[in-house]
Amino acid sequence: MSSSDTVHFRHNQAILAAAIVAFFGALPVAGARWYLLPVLLVPLAVTVWAWRAGTDADARELRLRALVGQRRISWDRVVELAADPRGRAVARLDDGQRVTLPAVRGTDLPRLISATGQSLPDATG
């Protein structure tokens, strides 16, 4: 899978900036006592999540990435793509399972579908 054929969806990078600021803000607290050092793990985990989490799509599959691990879903298993009431994109699979696509909004669905190499039908008739 080449990077040029893959469409990437990521969360807003402001989350990453906020996590970095939180890390530096937590340094004085963590430095006060040795048992407060784990406080630094929270902004560090948010930083890694903001950098890594999201959805990648190409002509073969969807790849859902989280803080730790990933899940690959072949397009053959996807029955329907839709937006939920909160505006997030959801894929319904052939076994009836509904999977929320990280960092993909309902308005991003045309771009997601274009990653498959297919096009949307013309709504004008």
Protein backbone atom coordinates (compact mmCIF):
# COMPACT_ATOMS: atom_id res chain seq x y z
CA MET A 1 0.00 0.00 0.00
CA SER A 2 1.65 3.21 -1.08
CA SER A 3 1.18 6.34 0.94
CA SER A 4 0.01 8.33 -2.11
CA ASP A 5 -2.96 5.97 -2.63
CA THR A 6 -3.99 6.11 1.02
CA VAL A 7 -6.36 8.67 2.50
CA HIS A 8 -5.52 9.57 6.10
CA PHE A 9 -7.99 10.92 8.65
CA ARG A 10 -6.57 12.26 11.92
CA HIS A 11 -7.93 14.18 14.90
CA ASN A 12 -7.41 17.92 15.14
CA GLN A 13 -3.76 18.69 15.87
CA ALA A 14 -4.78 21.21 18.54
CA ILE A 15 -5.17 18.17 20.81
CA LEU A 16 -1.49 17.39 20.28
CA ALA A 17 -0.49 20.97 21.13
CA ALA A 18 -2.67 20.93 24.26
CA ALA A 19 -1.12 17.64 25.39
CA ILE A 20 2.39 19.04 25.00
CA VAL A 21 1.45 22.14 27.01
CA ALA A 22 -0.11 19.88 29.68
CA PHE A 23 3.10 17.83 29.84
CA PHE A 24 5.21 20.90 30.54
CA GLY A 25 2.59 22.14 32.99
CA ALA A 26 2.76 18.82 34.87
CA LEU A 27 6.55 18.90 35.20
CA PRO A 28 6.59 21.01 38.41
CA VAL A 29 3.97 18.75 40.00
CA ALA A 30 5.85 15.59 39.02
CA GLY A 31 9.12 17.07 40.21
CA ALA A 32 7.76 17.92 43.66
CA ARG A 33 7.63 14.32 44.89
CA TRP A 34 8.85 11.06 43.35
CA TYR A 35 5.46 9.37 43.69
CA LEU A 36 3.86 12.07 41.48
CA LEU A 37 5.99 11.14 38.45
CA PRO A 38 3.17 9.00 36.94
CA VAL A 39 1.21 12.26 36.45
CA LEU A 40 3.42 12.79 33.38
CA LEU A 41 2.03 9.62 31.80
CA VAL A 42 -1.40 11.18 31.18
CA PRO A 43 -0.29 14.01 28.85
CA LEU A 44 2.26 11.66 27.30
CA ALA A 45 -0.48 9.12 26.47
CA VAL A 46 -2.70 11.88 25.03
CA THR A 47 0.23 13.08 22.90
CA VAL A 48 0.82 9.60 21.46
CA TRP A 49 -2.92 9.09 20.89
CA ALA A 50 -3.30 12.45 19.10
CA TRP A 51 -0.34 11.67 16.86
CA ARG A 52 -1.33 8.06 16.07
CA ALA A 53 -5.12 7.58 16.27
CA GLY A 54 -7.28 7.84 13.17
CA THR A 55 -8.42 6.02 10.06
CA ASP A 56 -6.47 5.16 6.92
CA ALA A 57 -8.29 4.02 3.79
CA ASP A 58 -7.13 2.71 0.45
CA ALA A 59 -8.60 0.57 -2.32
CA ARG A 60 -8.14 -2.66 -0.32
CA GLU A 61 -9.05 -1.89 3.28
CA LEU A 62 -9.78 0.41 6.17
CA ARG A 63 -7.20 0.61 8.92
CA LEU A 64 -8.48 1.91 12.27
CA ARG A 65 -5.63 3.07 14.50
CA ALA A 66 -5.85 3.63 18.25
CA LEU A 67 -3.39 4.50 21.01
CA VAL A 68 -2.22 0.90 21.02
CA GLY A 69 -2.86 -1.43 18.10
CA GLN A 70 -4.88 -1.24 14.94
CA ARG A 71 -7.72 -3.04 13.22
CA ARG A 72 -7.88 -3.80 9.51
CA ILE A 73 -11.25 -4.18 7.79
CA SER A 74 -11.47 -5.27 4.18
CA TRP A 75 -13.88 -3.28 2.01
CA ASP A 76 -15.59 -6.61 1.19
CA ARG A 77 -16.88 -6.68 4.79
CA VAL A 78 -18.31 -3.13 4.72
CA VAL A 79 -22.02 -3.14 3.88
CA GLU A 80 -22.84 0.49 4.60
CA LEU A 81 -21.17 3.78 5.48
CA ALA A 82 -23.26 6.40 7.27
CA ALA A 83 -23.11 9.22 9.79
CA ASP A 84 -24.47 8.77 13.29
CA PRO A 85 -26.55 11.48 15.04
CA ARG A 86 -23.36 13.02 16.47
CA GLY A 87 -21.86 13.43 12.98
CA ARG A 88 -19.28 10.64 13.26
CA ALA A 89 -18.80 8.19 10.40
CA VAL A 90 -19.90 4.62 11.09
CA ALA A 91 -19.33 1.47 9.02
CA ARG A 92 -21.83 -1.39 9.22
CA LEU A 93 -20.13 -4.74 8.59
CA ASP A 94 -21.52 -7.89 6.99
CA ASP A 95 -21.98 -9.50 10.44
CA GLY A 96 -24.18 -6.59 11.61
CA GLN A 97 -21.47 -4.99 13.74
CA ARG A 98 -21.27 -1.18 13.68
CA VAL A 99 -17.78 0.32 13.84
CA THR A 100 -17.15 4.01 14.48
CA LEU A 101 -14.33 5.26 12.27
CA PRO A 102 -11.89 7.31 14.36
CA ALA A 103 -11.38 10.92 13.18
CA VAL A 104 -13.82 10.53 10.25
CA ARG A 105 -16.81 12.86 10.21
CA GLY A 106 -19.99 12.28 8.24
CA THR A 107 -18.96 15.08 5.90
CA ASP A 108 -15.75 13.16 5.11
CA LEU A 109 -17.63 10.17 3.64
CA PRO A 110 -17.25 11.24 -0.03
CA ARG A 111 -13.47 11.50 0.46
CA LEU A 112 -13.47 8.11 2.19
CA ILE A 113 -15.41 6.51 -0.65
CA SER A 114 -13.07 8.03 -3.23
CA ALA A 115 -10.21 6.13 -1.54
CA THR A 116 -11.83 2.90 -2.74
CA GLY A 117 -11.48 3.99 -6.36
CA GLN A 118 -15.25 4.23 -6.72
CA SER A 119 -17.36 7.32 -7.11
CA LEU A 120 -20.64 8.42 -5.59
CA PRO A 121 -23.73 8.25 -7.81
CA ASP A 122 -24.84 11.58 -9.23
CA ALA A 123 -27.65 12.96 -7.06
CA THR A 124 -29.04 15.17 -9.82
CA GLY A 125 -30.63 12.29 -11.60
